Amino acid sequence: MNQRSAKQIDQLPKTTSERLHHFRLLNGNQLSGSLLDEIGFLPNLDRIQIDQNKIFGPLPSSFANLNMTKHFHMKNNSLSGQISPELYRLPKLVHMLLDNNNLSGYLPPELAALPQLLIL
């Protein structure tokens, strides 16, 4: 994609939460902008796959509500801030890929209590 076709992630069309199960296959699409807090209120979302874009800003605290989410793939962006210890409330989380971002702070020890987490 060239610069002209880059899309703002905060301008993606709204989808009803009952229908959205995968926020995926958006990797490498030159999406830019910050993550919407509303994403954290999609009860059926089981995967977020937005690697290799130009997404910046913090992970919304609302992501701690994504109880069905198994995969967070957000590497190779420009995410910043700290990883919230509240993410320990994600009982089904298997993969959390956040490498190659601008995150700061430490890895919350609470994440070690996630029963299904395999890759961090």
PDB file of N, CA and C in Angstrom:
ATOM      1  N   MET A   1       0.828  -1.179   0.000  1.00  0.00           N
ATOM      2  CA  MET A   1       0.000   0.000   0.000  1.00  0.00           C
ATOM      3  C   MET A   1       0.871   1.240   0.000  1.00  0.00           C
ATOM      4  N   ASN A   2       0.485   2.221  -0.719  1.00  0.00           N
ATOM      5  CA  ASN A   2       1.242   3.457  -0.688  1.00  0.00           C
ATOM      6  C   ASN A   2       0.663   4.392   0.361  1.00  0.00           C
ATOM      7  N   GLN A   3       1.319   5.493   0.597  1.00  0.00           N
ATOM      8  CA  GLN A   3       0.893   6.454   1.610  1.00  0.00           C
ATOM      9  C   GLN A   3      -0.531   6.947   1.369  1.00  0.00           C
ATOM     10  N   ARG A   4      -0.887   7.112   0.158  1.00  0.00           N
ATOM     11  CA  ARG A   4      -2.204   7.633  -0.182  1.00  0.00           C
ATOM     12  C   ARG A   4      -3.324   6.685   0.256  1.00  0.00           C
ATOM     13  N   SER A   5      -3.052   5.378   0.281  1.00  0.00           N
ATOM     14  CA  SER A   5      -4.089   4.415   0.628  1.00  0.00           C
ATOM     15  C   SER A   5      -4.045   3.998   2.092  1.00  0.00           C
ATOM     16  N   ALA A   6      -3.188   4.609   2.880  1.00  0.00           N
ATOM     17  CA  ALA A   6      -3.131   4.280   4.312  1.00  0.00           C
ATOM     18  C   ALA A   6      -4.468   4.638   4.965  1.00  0.00           C
ATOM     19  N   LYS A   7      -4.889   3.838   5.920  1.00  0.00           N
ATOM     20  CA  LYS A   7      -6.167   4.054   6.582  1.00  0.00           C
ATOM     21  C   LYS A   7      -5.945   4.345   8.058  1.00  0.00           C
ATOM     22  N   GLN A   8      -6.814   5.149   8.622  1.00  0.00           N
ATOM     23  CA  GLN A   8      -6.786   5.441  10.043  1.00  0.00           C
ATOM     24  C   GLN A   8      -7.538   4.339  10.771  1.00  0.00           C
ATOM     25  N   ILE A   9      -6.904   3.703  11.743  1.00  0.00           N
ATOM     26  CA  ILE A   9      -7.580   2.637  12.485  1.00  0.00           C
ATOM     27  C   ILE A   9      -8.754   3.191  13.270  1.00  0.00           C
ATOM     28  N   ASP A  10      -8.680   4.442  13.670  1.00  0.00           N
ATOM     29  CA  ASP A  10      -9.792   5.009  14.424  1.00  0.00           C
ATOM     30  C   ASP A  10     -10.918   5.490  13.503  1.00  0.00           C
ATOM     31  N   GLN A  11     -10.796   5.228  12.200  1.00  0.00           N
ATOM     32  CA  GLN A  11     -11.855   5.571  11.265  1.00  0.00           C
ATOM     33  C   GLN A  11     -12.423   4.338  10.572  1.00  0.00           C
ATOM     34  N   LEU A  12     -12.108   3.147  11.090  1.00  0.00           N
ATOM     35  CA  LEU A  12     -12.666   1.934  10.516  1.00  0.00           C
ATOM     36  C   LEU A  12     -14.170   1.910  10.746  1.00  0.00           C
ATOM     37  N   PRO A  13     -14.927   1.299   9.843  1.00  0.00           N
ATOM     38  CA  PRO A  13     -16.379   1.266  10.017  1.00  0.00           C
ATOM     39  C   PRO A  13     -16.766   0.578  11.321  1.00  0.00           C
ATOM     40  N   LYS A  14     -17.830   1.055  11.942  1.00  0.00           N
ATOM     41  CA  LYS A  14     -18.339   0.449  13.170  1.00  0.00           C
ATOM     42  C   LYS A  14     -19.022  -0.870  12.816  1.00  0.00           C
ATOM     43  N   THR A  15     -18.823  -1.892  13.628  1.00  0.00           N
ATOM     44  CA  THR A  15     -19.444  -3.195  13.443  1.00  0.00           C
ATOM     45  C   THR A  15     -20.107  -3.577  14.744  1.00  0.00           C
ATOM     46  N   THR A  16     -21.236  -4.203  14.680  1.00  0.00           N
ATOM     47  CA  THR A  16     -21.909  -4.579  15.922  1.00  0.00           C
ATOM     48  C   THR A  16     -21.119  -5.643  16.655  1.00  0.00           C
ATOM     49  N   SER A  17     -21.102  -5.563  17.957  1.00  0.00           N
ATOM     50  CA  SER A  17     -20.297  -6.467  18.767  1.00  0.00           C
ATOM     51  C   SER A  17     -20.755  -7.908  18.663  1.00  0.00           C
ATOM     52  N   GLU A  18     -22.017  -8.140  18.341  1.00  0.00           N
ATOM     53  CA  GLU A  18     -22.499  -9.509  18.209  1.00  0.00           C
ATOM     54  C   GLU A  18     -21.867 -10.211  17.011  1.00  0.00           C
ATOM     55  N   ARG A  19     -21.470  -9.446  16.001  1.00  0.00           N
ATOM     56  CA  ARG A  19     -20.954 -10.030  14.769  1.00  0.00           C
ATOM     57  C   ARG A  19     -19.436 -10.063  14.712  1.00  0.00           C
ATOM     58  N   LEU A  20     -18.760  -9.214  15.429  1.00  0.00           N
ATOM     59  CA  LEU A  20     -17.307  -9.123  15.298  1.00  0.00           C
ATOM     60  C   LEU A  20     -16.622 -10.118  16.226  1.00  0.00           C
ATOM     61  N   HIS A  21     -16.023 -11.146  15.634  1.00  0.00           N
ATOM     62  CA  HIS A  21     -15.298 -12.150  16.389  1.00  0.00           C
ATOM     63  C   HIS A  21     -13.791 -12.015  16.181  1.00  0.00           C
ATOM     64  N   HIS A  22     -13.382 -11.491  15.051  1.00  0.00           N
ATOM     65  CA  HIS A  22     -11.965 -11.383  14.717  1.00  0.00           C
ATOM     66  C   HIS A  22     -11.658  -9.965  14.247  1.00  0.00           C
ATOM     67  N   PHE A  23     -10.738  -9.340  14.917  1.00  0.00           N
ATOM     68  CA  PHE A  23     -10.197  -8.055  14.471  1.00  0.00           C
ATOM     69  C   PHE A  23      -8.852  -8.453  13.893  1.00  0.00           C
ATOM     70  N   ARG A  24      -8.878  -9.141  12.771  1.00  0.00           N
ATOM     71  CA  ARG A  24      -7.702  -9.824  12.289  1.00  0.00           C
ATOM     72  C   ARG A  24      -7.443  -9.563  10.822  1.00  0.00           C
ATOM     73  N   LEU A  25      -6.367 -10.119  10.375  1.00  0.00           N
ATOM     74  CA  LEU A  25      -5.939  -9.948   9.003  1.00  0.00           C
ATOM     75  C   LEU A  25      -5.806  -8.480   8.647  1.00  0.00           C
ATOM     76  N   LEU A  26      -5.510  -7.696   9.656  1.00  0.00           N
ATOM     77  CA  LEU A  26      -5.258  -6.277   9.444  1.00  0.00           C
ATOM     78  C   LEU A  26      -3.768  -5.987   9.541  1.00  0.00           C
ATOM     79  N   ASN A  27      -2.965  -7.045   9.613  1.00  0.00           N
ATOM     80  CA  ASN A  27      -1.534  -6.829   9.718  1.00  0.00           C
ATOM     81  C   ASN A  27      -0.960  -6.401   8.364  1.00  0.00           C
ATOM     82  N   GLY A  28       0.008  -5.487   8.443  1.00  0.00           N
ATOM     83  CA  GLY A  28       0.694  -5.016   7.247  1.00  0.00           C
ATOM     84  C   GLY A  28      -0.160  -4.167   6.323  1.00  0.00           C
ATOM     85  N   ASN A  29      -1.166  -3.495   6.842  1.00  0.00           N
ATOM     86  CA  ASN A  29      -2.054  -2.688   6.008  1.00  0.00           C
ATOM     87  C   ASN A  29      -1.808  -1.191   6.142  1.00  0.00           C
ATOM     88  N   GLN A  30      -0.717  -0.794   6.751  1.00  0.00           N
ATOM     89  CA  GLN A  30      -0.379   0.611   6.961  1.00  0.00           C
ATOM     90  C   GLN A  30      -1.485   1.369   7.684  1.00  0.00           C
ATOM     91  N   LEU A  31      -2.170   0.694   8.589  1.00  0.00           N
ATOM     92  CA  LEU A  31      -3.157   1.371   9.424  1.00  0.00           C
ATOM     93  C   LEU A  31      -2.420   2.298  10.371  1.00  0.00           C
ATOM     94  N   SER A  32      -2.989   3.461  10.625  1.00  0.00           N
ATOM     95  CA  SER A  32      -2.363   4.374  11.564  1.00  0.00           C
ATOM     96  C   SER A  32      -3.420   4.923  12.503  1.00  0.00           C
ATOM     97  N   GLY A  33      -2.964   5.473  13.598  1.00  0.00           N
ATOM     98  CA  GLY A  33      -3.869   6.024  14.593  1.00  0.00           C
ATOM     99  C   GLY A  33      -3.752   5.257  15.890  1.00  0.00           C
ATOM    100  N   SER A  34      -4.581   5.636  16.834  1.00  0.00           N
ATOM    101  CA  SER A  34      -4.549   4.963  18.130  1.00  0.00           C
ATOM    102  C   SER A  34      -5.674   3.935  18.203  1.00  0.00           C
ATOM    103  N   LEU A  35      -5.536   3.015  19.147  1.00  0.00           N
ATOM    104  CA  LEU A  35      -6.548   1.982  19.327  1.00  0.00           C
ATOM    105  C   LEU A  35      -7.772   2.554  20.033  1.00  0.00           C
ATOM    106  N   LEU A  36      -8.921   2.248  19.529  1.00  0.00           N
ATOM    107  CA  LEU A  36     -10.169   2.733  20.108  1.00  0.00           C
ATOM    108  C   LEU A  36     -10.493   2.013  21.404  1.00  0.00           C
ATOM    109  N   ASP A  37     -10.915   2.758  22.388  1.00  0.00           N
ATOM    110  CA  ASP A  37     -11.340   2.176  23.657  1.00  0.00           C
ATOM    111  C   ASP A  37     -12.511   1.217  23.438  1.00  0.00           C
ATOM    112  N   GLU A  38     -13.342   1.478  22.457  1.00  0.00           N
ATOM    113  CA  GLU A  38     -14.522   0.661  22.179  1.00  0.00           C
ATOM    114  C   GLU A  38     -14.179  -0.781  21.833  1.00  0.00           C
ATOM    115  N   ILE A  39     -12.980  -1.033  21.318  1.00  0.00           N
ATOM    116  CA  ILE A  39     -12.580  -2.397  20.988  1.00  0.00           C
ATOM    117  C   ILE A  39     -12.658  -3.279  22.229  1.00  0.00           C
ATOM    118  N   GLY A  40     -12.355  -2.717  23.382  1.00  0.00           N
ATOM    119  CA  GLY A  40     -12.390  -3.477  24.627  1.00  0.00           C
ATOM    120  C   GLY A  40     -13.779  -3.858  25.101  1.00  0.00           C
ATOM    121  N   PHE A  41     -14.800  -3.421  24.391  1.00  0.00           N
ATOM    122  CA  PHE A  41     -16.175  -3.747  24.769  1.00  0.00           C
ATOM    123  C   PHE A  41     -16.854  -4.623  23.719  1.00  0.00           C
ATOM    124  N   LEU A  42     -16.055  -5.388  22.993  1.00  0.00           N
ATOM    125  CA  LEU A  42     -16.582  -6.338  22.015  1.00  0.00           C
ATOM    126  C   LEU A  42     -16.514  -7.733  22.648  1.00  0.00           C
ATOM    127  N   PRO A  43     -17.613  -8.207  23.220  1.00  0.00           N
ATOM    128  CA  PRO A  43     -17.583  -9.412  24.047  1.00  0.00           C
ATOM    129  C   PRO A  43     -17.207 -10.692  23.322  1.00  0.00           C
ATOM    130  N   ASN A  44     -17.382 -10.758  22.019  1.00  0.00           N
ATOM    131  CA  ASN A  44     -17.094 -11.985  21.281  1.00  0.00           C
ATOM    132  C   ASN A  44     -15.743 -11.984  20.585  1.00  0.00           C
ATOM    133  N   LEU A  45     -14.980 -10.945  20.755  1.00  0.00           N
ATOM    134  CA  LEU A  45     -13.699 -10.819  20.056  1.00  0.00           C
ATOM    135  C   LEU A  45     -12.721 -11.867  20.569  1.00  0.00           C
ATOM    136  N   ASP A  46     -12.250 -12.737  19.679  1.00  0.00           N
ATOM    137  CA  ASP A  46     -11.307 -13.751  20.133  1.00  0.00           C
ATOM    138  C   ASP A  46      -9.894 -13.555  19.599  1.00  0.00           C
ATOM    139  N   ARG A  47      -9.699 -12.589  18.698  1.00  0.00           N
ATOM    140  CA  ARG A  47      -8.356 -12.363  18.136  1.00  0.00           C
ATOM    141  C   ARG A  47      -8.220 -10.914  17.700  1.00  0.00           C
ATOM    142  N   ILE A  48      -7.080 -10.319  18.056  1.00  0.00           N
ATOM    143  CA  ILE A  48      -6.700  -9.002  17.540  1.00  0.00           C
ATOM    144  C   ILE A  48      -5.356  -9.208  16.851  1.00  0.00           C
ATOM    145  N   GLN A  49      -5.340  -9.047  15.552  1.00  0.00           N
ATOM    146  CA  GLN A  49      -4.121  -9.271  14.773  1.00  0.00           C
ATOM    147  C   GLN A  49      -3.870  -8.035  13.917  1.00  0.00           C
ATOM    148  N   ILE A  50      -3.096  -7.124  14.480  1.00  0.00           N
ATOM    149  CA  ILE A  50      -2.833  -5.841  13.817  1.00  0.00           C
ATOM    150  C   ILE A  50      -1.335  -5.554  13.761  1.00  0.00           C
ATOM    151  N   ASP A  51      -0.534  -6.598  13.561  1.00  0.00           N
ATOM    152  CA  ASP A  51       0.919  -6.448  13.469  1.00  0.00           C
ATOM    153  C   ASP A  51       1.313  -5.566  12.284  1.00  0.00           C
ATOM    154  N   GLN A  52       2.500  -5.015  12.358  1.00  0.00           N
ATOM    155  CA  GLN A  52       3.168  -4.319  11.256  1.00  0.00           C
ATOM    156  C   GLN A  52       2.306  -3.222  10.627  1.00  0.00           C
ATOM    157  N   ASN A  53       1.862  -2.314  11.477  1.00  0.00           N
ATOM    158  CA  ASN A  53       1.123  -1.145  11.024  1.00  0.00           C
ATOM    159  C   ASN A  53       1.793   0.087  11.618  1.00  0.00           C
ATOM    160  N   LYS A  54       1.076   1.159  11.713  1.00  0.00           N
ATOM    161  CA  LYS A  54       1.608   2.407  12.272  1.00  0.00           C
ATOM    162  C   LYS A  54       0.709   2.867  13.414  1.00  0.00           C
ATOM    163  N   ILE A  55       0.313   1.913  14.238  1.00  0.00           N
ATOM    164  CA  ILE A  55      -0.588   2.195  15.339  1.00  0.00           C
ATOM    165  C   ILE A  55       0.233   2.712  16.520  1.00  0.00           C
ATOM    166  N   PHE A  56      -0.247   3.770  17.143  1.00  0.00           N
ATOM    167  CA  PHE A  56       0.508   4.395  18.225  1.00  0.00           C
ATOM    168  C   PHE A  56      -0.389   4.614  19.434  1.00  0.00           C
ATOM    169  N   GLY A  57       0.238   5.016  20.515  1.00  0.00           N
ATOM    170  CA  GLY A  57      -0.496   5.301  21.745  1.00  0.00           C
ATOM    171  C   GLY A  57      -0.565   4.085  22.648  1.00  0.00           C
ATOM    172  N   PRO A  58      -1.234   4.242  23.776  1.00  0.00           N
ATOM    173  CA  PRO A  58      -1.298   3.156  24.761  1.00  0.00           C
ATOM    174  C   PRO A  58      -2.313   2.088  24.387  1.00  0.00           C
ATOM    175  N   LEU A  59      -2.157   0.930  25.026  1.00  0.00           N
ATOM    176  CA  LEU A  59      -3.194  -0.104  24.947  1.00  0.00           C
ATOM    177  C   LEU A  59      -4.356   0.378  25.810  1.00  0.00           C
ATOM    178  N   PRO A  60      -5.554   0.435  25.279  1.00  0.00           N
ATOM    179  CA  PRO A  60      -6.681   0.901  26.085  1.00  0.00           C
ATOM    180  C   PRO A  60      -6.907   0.013  27.316  1.00  0.00           C
ATOM    181  N   SER A  61      -7.219   0.629  28.432  1.00  0.00           N
ATOM    182  CA  SER A  61      -7.485  -0.146  29.650  1.00  0.00           C
ATOM    183  C   SER A  61      -8.704  -1.038  29.471  1.00  0.00           C
ATOM    184  N   SER A  62      -9.591  -0.683  28.544  1.00  0.00           N
ATOM    185  CA  SER A  62     -10.783  -1.499  28.289  1.00  0.00           C
ATOM    186  C   SER A  62     -10.442  -2.885  27.742  1.00  0.00           C
ATOM    187  N   PHE A  63      -9.218  -3.088  27.250  1.00  0.00           N
ATOM    188  CA  PHE A  63      -8.830  -4.404  26.747  1.00  0.00           C
ATOM    189  C   PHE A  63      -8.897  -5.465  27.842  1.00  0.00           C
ATOM    190  N   ALA A  64      -8.888  -5.055  29.096  1.00  0.00           N
ATOM    191  CA  ALA A  64      -9.008  -6.005  30.212  1.00  0.00           C
ATOM    192  C   ALA A  64     -10.396  -6.647  30.242  1.00  0.00           C
ATOM    193  N   ASN A  65     -11.336  -6.145  29.457  1.00  0.00           N
ATOM    194  CA  ASN A  65     -12.688  -6.707  29.395  1.00  0.00           C
ATOM    195  C   ASN A  65     -12.834  -7.798  28.345  1.00  0.00           C
ATOM    196  N   LEU A  66     -11.827  -8.059  27.566  1.00  0.00           N
ATOM    197  CA  LEU A  66     -11.931  -8.994  26.444  1.00  0.00           C
ATOM    198  C   LEU A  66     -11.770 -10.442  26.911  1.00  0.00           C
ATOM    199  N   ASN A  67     -12.741 -10.935  27.620  1.00  0.00           N
ATOM    200  CA  ASN A  67     -12.667 -12.252  28.254  1.00  0.00           C
ATOM    201  C   ASN A  67     -12.577 -13.416  27.274  1.00  0.00           C
ATOM    202  N   MET A  68     -12.990 -13.226  26.043  1.00  0.00           N
ATOM    203  CA  MET A  68     -12.951 -14.306  25.052  1.00  0.00           C
ATOM    204  C   MET A  68     -11.684 -14.261  24.192  1.00  0.00           C
ATOM    205  N   THR A  69     -10.901 -13.221  24.315  1.00  0.00           N
ATOM    206  CA  THR A  69      -9.741 -13.038  23.438  1.00  0.00           C
ATOM    207  C   THR A  69      -8.628 -14.011  23.784  1.00  0.00           C
ATOM    208  N   LYS A  70      -8.163 -14.712  22.761  1.00  0.00           N
ATOM    209  CA  LYS A  70      -7.082 -15.682  22.914  1.00  0.00           C
ATOM    210  C   LYS A  70      -5.760 -15.150  22.361  1.00  0.00           C
ATOM    211  N   HIS A  71      -5.829 -14.255  21.393  1.00  0.00           N
ATOM    212  CA  HIS A  71      -4.618 -13.803  20.699  1.00  0.00           C
ATOM    213  C   HIS A  71      -4.583 -12.286  20.582  1.00  0.00           C
ATOM    214  N   PHE A  72      -3.508 -11.685  21.116  1.00  0.00           N
ATOM    215  CA  PHE A  72      -3.186 -10.277  20.909  1.00  0.00           C
ATOM    216  C   PHE A  72      -1.917 -10.252  20.078  1.00  0.00           C
ATOM    217  N   HIS A  73      -2.018  -9.938  18.808  1.00  0.00           N
ATOM    218  CA  HIS A  73      -0.850  -9.830  17.940  1.00  0.00           C
ATOM    219  C   HIS A  73      -0.746  -8.367  17.519  1.00  0.00           C
ATOM    220  N   MET A  74       0.117  -7.625  18.204  1.00  0.00           N
ATOM    221  CA  MET A  74       0.246  -6.192  17.944  1.00  0.00           C
ATOM    222  C   MET A  74       1.705  -5.774  17.823  1.00  0.00           C
ATOM    223  N   LYS A  75       2.562  -6.690  17.392  1.00  0.00           N
ATOM    224  CA  LYS A  75       3.979  -6.355  17.294  1.00  0.00           C
ATOM    225  C   LYS A  75       4.254  -5.452  16.093  1.00  0.00           C
ATOM    226  N   ASN A  76       5.411  -4.826  16.115  1.00  0.00           N
ATOM    227  CA  ASN A  76       5.878  -3.965  15.023  1.00  0.00           C
ATOM    228  C   ASN A  76       4.927  -2.802  14.731  1.00  0.00           C
ATOM    229  N   ASN A  77       4.583  -2.073  15.773  1.00  0.00           N
ATOM    230  CA  ASN A  77       3.803  -0.846  15.677  1.00  0.00           C
ATOM    231  C   ASN A  77       4.548   0.225  16.460  1.00  0.00           C
ATOM    232  N   SER A  78       3.860   1.212  16.942  1.00  0.00           N
ATOM    233  CA  SER A  78       4.465   2.253  17.777  1.00  0.00           C
ATOM    234  C   SER A  78       3.664   2.435  19.057  1.00  0.00           C
ATOM    235  N   LEU A  79       3.175   1.328  19.613  1.00  0.00           N
ATOM    236  CA  LEU A  79       2.421   1.401  20.864  1.00  0.00           C
ATOM    237  C   LEU A  79       3.327   1.922  21.966  1.00  0.00           C
ATOM    238  N   SER A  80       2.764   2.690  22.879  1.00  0.00           N
ATOM    239  CA  SER A  80       3.573   3.276  23.949  1.00  0.00           C
ATOM    240  C   SER A  80       2.866   3.112  25.288  1.00  0.00           C
ATOM    241  N   GLY A  81       3.548   3.525  26.322  1.00  0.00           N
ATOM    242  CA  GLY A  81       2.989   3.409  27.661  1.00  0.00           C
ATOM    243  C   GLY A  81       3.339   2.066  28.280  1.00  0.00           C
ATOM    244  N   GLN A  82       2.640   1.739  29.337  1.00  0.00           N
ATOM    245  CA  GLN A  82       2.899   0.499  30.063  1.00  0.00           C
ATOM    246  C   GLN A  82       1.838  -0.540  29.760  1.00  0.00           C
ATOM    247  N   ILE A  83       2.206  -1.788  29.939  1.00  0.00           N
ATOM    248  CA  ILE A  83       1.243  -2.884  29.833  1.00  0.00           C
ATOM    249  C   ILE A  83       0.469  -2.921  31.131  1.00  0.00           C
ATOM    250  N   SER A  84      -0.831  -2.853  31.044  1.00  0.00           N
ATOM    251  CA  SER A  84      -1.668  -2.803  32.241  1.00  0.00           C
ATOM    252  C   SER A  84      -1.680  -4.137  32.980  1.00  0.00           C
ATOM    253  N   PRO A  85      -1.484  -4.104  34.310  1.00  0.00           N
ATOM    254  CA  PRO A  85      -1.599  -5.346  35.076  1.00  0.00           C
ATOM    255  C   PRO A  85      -3.017  -5.908  35.039  1.00  0.00           C
ATOM    256  N   GLU A  86      -4.004  -5.074  34.650  1.00  0.00           N
ATOM    257  CA  GLU A  86      -5.394  -5.535  34.568  1.00  0.00           C
ATOM    258  C   GLU A  86      -5.603  -6.598  33.490  1.00  0.00           C
ATOM    259  N   LEU A  87      -4.642  -6.745  32.583  1.00  0.00           N
ATOM    260  CA  LEU A  87      -4.783  -7.766  31.548  1.00  0.00           C
ATOM    261  C   LEU A  87      -4.733  -9.177  32.118  1.00  0.00           C
ATOM    262  N   TYR A  88      -4.421  -9.312  33.398  1.00  0.00           N
ATOM    263  CA  TYR A  88      -4.442 -10.634  34.029  1.00  0.00           C
ATOM    264  C   TYR A  88      -5.870 -11.188  34.059  1.00  0.00           C
ATOM    265  N   ARG A  89      -6.865 -10.345  33.795  1.00  0.00           N
ATOM    266  CA  ARG A  89      -8.267 -10.770  33.808  1.00  0.00           C
ATOM    267  C   ARG A  89      -8.686 -11.451  32.507  1.00  0.00           C
ATOM    268  N   LEU A  90      -7.755 -11.796  31.661  1.00  0.00           N
ATOM    269  CA  LEU A  90      -8.064 -12.432  30.377  1.00  0.00           C
ATOM    270  C   LEU A  90      -7.784 -13.936  30.472  1.00  0.00           C
ATOM    271  N   PRO A  91      -8.739 -14.700  30.952  1.00  0.00           N
ATOM    272  CA  PRO A  91      -8.497 -16.112  31.253  1.00  0.00           C
ATOM    273  C   PRO A  91      -8.190 -16.979  30.047  1.00  0.00           C
ATOM    274  N   LYS A  92      -8.565 -16.575  28.857  1.00  0.00           N
ATOM    275  CA  LYS A  92      -8.358 -17.403  27.665  1.00  0.00           C
ATOM    276  C   LYS A  92      -7.134 -16.994  26.853  1.00  0.00           C
ATOM    277  N   LEU A  93      -6.425 -15.959  27.282  1.00  0.00           N
ATOM    278  CA  LEU A  93      -5.294 -15.441  26.513  1.00  0.00           C
ATOM    279  C   LEU A  93      -4.203 -16.489  26.361  1.00  0.00           C
ATOM    280  N   VAL A  94      -3.815 -16.746  25.101  1.00  0.00           N
ATOM    281  CA  VAL A  94      -2.780 -17.729  24.781  1.00  0.00           C
ATOM    282  C   VAL A  94      -1.524 -17.037  24.268  1.00  0.00           C
ATOM    283  N   HIS A  95      -1.684 -16.050  23.388  1.00  0.00           N
ATOM    284  CA  HIS A  95      -0.550 -15.318  22.799  1.00  0.00           C
ATOM    285  C   HIS A  95      -0.699 -13.829  23.054  1.00  0.00           C
ATOM    286  N   MET A  96       0.389 -13.207  23.490  1.00  0.00           N
ATOM    287  CA  MET A  96       0.436 -11.752  23.589  1.00  0.00           C
ATOM    288  C   MET A  96       1.749 -11.314  22.955  1.00  0.00           C
ATOM    289  N   LEU A  97       1.671 -10.827  21.730  1.00  0.00           N
ATOM    290  CA  LEU A  97       2.855 -10.430  20.982  1.00  0.00           C
ATOM    291  C   LEU A  97       2.876  -8.910  20.865  1.00  0.00           C
ATOM    292  N   LEU A  98       3.774  -8.305  21.616  1.00  0.00           N
ATOM    293  CA  LEU A  98       3.870  -6.845  21.670  1.00  0.00           C
ATOM    294  C   LEU A  98       5.286  -6.352  21.365  1.00  0.00           C
ATOM    295  N   ASP A  99       6.141  -7.217  20.856  1.00  0.00           N
ATOM    296  CA  ASP A  99       7.522  -6.819  20.619  1.00  0.00           C
ATOM    297  C   ASP A  99       7.627  -5.780  19.507  1.00  0.00           C
ATOM    298  N   ASN A 100       8.730  -5.057  19.530  1.00  0.00           N
ATOM    299  CA  ASN A 100       9.031  -3.990  18.569  1.00  0.00           C
ATOM    300  C   ASN A 100       7.990  -2.870  18.586  1.00  0.00           C
ATOM    301  N   ASN A 101       7.695  -2.380  19.775  1.00  0.00           N
ATOM    302  CA  ASN A 101       6.854  -1.216  20.006  1.00  0.00           C
ATOM    303  C   ASN A 101       7.649  -0.247  20.884  1.00  0.00           C
ATOM    304  N   ASN A 102       7.017   0.759  21.399  1.00  0.00           N
ATOM    305  CA  ASN A 102       7.675   1.733  22.278  1.00  0.00           C
ATOM    306  C   ASN A 102       7.128   1.642  23.700  1.00  0.00           C
ATOM    307  N   LEU A 103       6.855   0.431  24.137  1.00  0.00           N
ATOM    308  CA  LEU A 103       6.296   0.230  25.471  1.00  0.00           C
ATOM    309  C   LEU A 103       7.358   0.512  26.528  1.00  0.00           C
ATOM    310  N   SER A 104       6.921   0.936  27.697  1.00  0.00           N
ATOM    311  CA  SER A 104       7.854   1.256  28.782  1.00  0.00           C
ATOM    312  C   SER A 104       7.435   0.515  30.045  1.00  0.00           C
ATOM    313  N   GLY A 105       8.290   0.567  31.026  1.00  0.00           N
ATOM    314  CA  GLY A 105       7.967  -0.066  32.297  1.00  0.00           C
ATOM    315  C   GLY A 105       8.339  -1.539  32.305  1.00  0.00           C
ATOM    316  N   TYR A 106       7.736  -2.238  33.210  1.00  0.00           N
ATOM    317  CA  TYR A 106       8.044  -3.651  33.405  1.00  0.00           C
ATOM    318  C   TYR A 106       6.871  -4.509  32.930  1.00  0.00           C
ATOM    319  N   LEU A 107       7.139  -5.804  32.817  1.00  0.00           N
ATOM    320  CA  LEU A 107       6.100  -6.763  32.493  1.00  0.00           C
ATOM    321  C   LEU A 107       5.357  -7.077  33.789  1.00  0.00           C
ATOM    322  N   PRO A 108       4.076  -6.805  33.868  1.00  0.00           N
ATOM    323  CA  PRO A 108       3.352  -7.026  35.126  1.00  0.00           C
ATOM    324  C   PRO A 108       3.413  -8.486  35.566  1.00  0.00           C
ATOM    325  N   PRO A 109       3.814  -8.743  36.793  1.00  0.00           N
ATOM    326  CA  PRO A 109       3.905 -10.126  37.269  1.00  0.00           C
ATOM    327  C   PRO A 109       2.547 -10.828  37.291  1.00  0.00           C
ATOM    328  N   GLU A 110       1.463 -10.065  37.320  1.00  0.00           N
ATOM    329  CA  GLU A 110       0.122 -10.651  37.316  1.00  0.00           C
ATOM    330  C   GLU A 110      -0.127 -11.501  36.065  1.00  0.00           C
ATOM    331  N   LEU A 111       0.570 -11.184  34.971  1.00  0.00           N
ATOM    332  CA  LEU A 111       0.381 -11.947  33.735  1.00  0.00           C
ATOM    333  C   LEU A 111       0.839 -13.392  33.883  1.00  0.00           C
ATOM    334  N   ALA A 112       1.724 -13.656  34.821  1.00  0.00           N
ATOM    335  CA  ALA A 112       2.193 -15.025  35.050  1.00  0.00           C
ATOM    336  C   ALA A 112       1.074 -15.930  35.546  1.00  0.00           C
ATOM    337  N   ALA A 113       0.015 -15.354  36.062  1.00  0.00           N
ATOM    338  CA  ALA A 113      -1.101 -16.151  36.580  1.00  0.00           C
ATOM    339  C   ALA A 113      -2.097 -16.557  35.496  1.00  0.00           C
ATOM    340  N   LEU A 114      -1.903 -16.089  34.268  1.00  0.00           N
ATOM    341  CA  LEU A 114      -2.835 -16.450  33.201  1.00  0.00           C
ATOM    342  C   LEU A 114      -2.702 -17.941  32.887  1.00  0.00           C
ATOM    343  N   PRO A 115      -3.785 -18.707  33.045  1.00  0.00           N
ATOM    344  CA  PRO A 115      -3.690 -20.160  32.953  1.00  0.00           C
ATOM    345  C   PRO A 115      -3.335 -20.721  31.584  1.00  0.00           C
ATOM    346  N   GLN A 116      -3.663 -20.038  30.496  1.00  0.00           N
ATOM    347  CA  GLN A 116      -3.428 -20.588  29.168  1.00  0.00           C
ATOM    348  C   GLN A 116      -2.336 -19.870  28.390  1.00  0.00           C
ATOM    349  N   LEU A 117      -1.721 -18.853  28.990  1.00  0.00           N
ATOM    350  CA  LEU A 117      -0.726 -18.061  28.275  1.00  0.00           C
ATOM    351  C   LEU A 117       0.502 -18.901  27.942  1.00  0.00           C
ATOM    352  N   LEU A 118       0.823 -18.987  26.642  1.00  0.00           N
ATOM    353  CA  LEU A 118       1.976 -19.746  26.181  1.00  0.00           C
ATOM    354  C   LEU A 118       3.084 -18.852  25.653  1.00  0.00           C
ATOM    355  N   ILE A 119       2.735 -17.779  24.957  1.00  0.00           N
ATOM    356  CA  ILE A 119       3.731 -16.899  24.337  1.00  0.00           C
ATOM    357  C   ILE A 119       3.491 -15.477  24.789  1.00  0.00           C
ATOM    358  N   LEU A 120       4.549 -14.888  25.343  1.00  0.00           N
ATOM    359  CA  LEU A 120       4.485 -13.507  25.803  1.00  0.00           C
ATOM    360  C   LEU A 120       5.689 -12.772  25.275  1.00  0.00           C
TER     361      LEU A 120
END
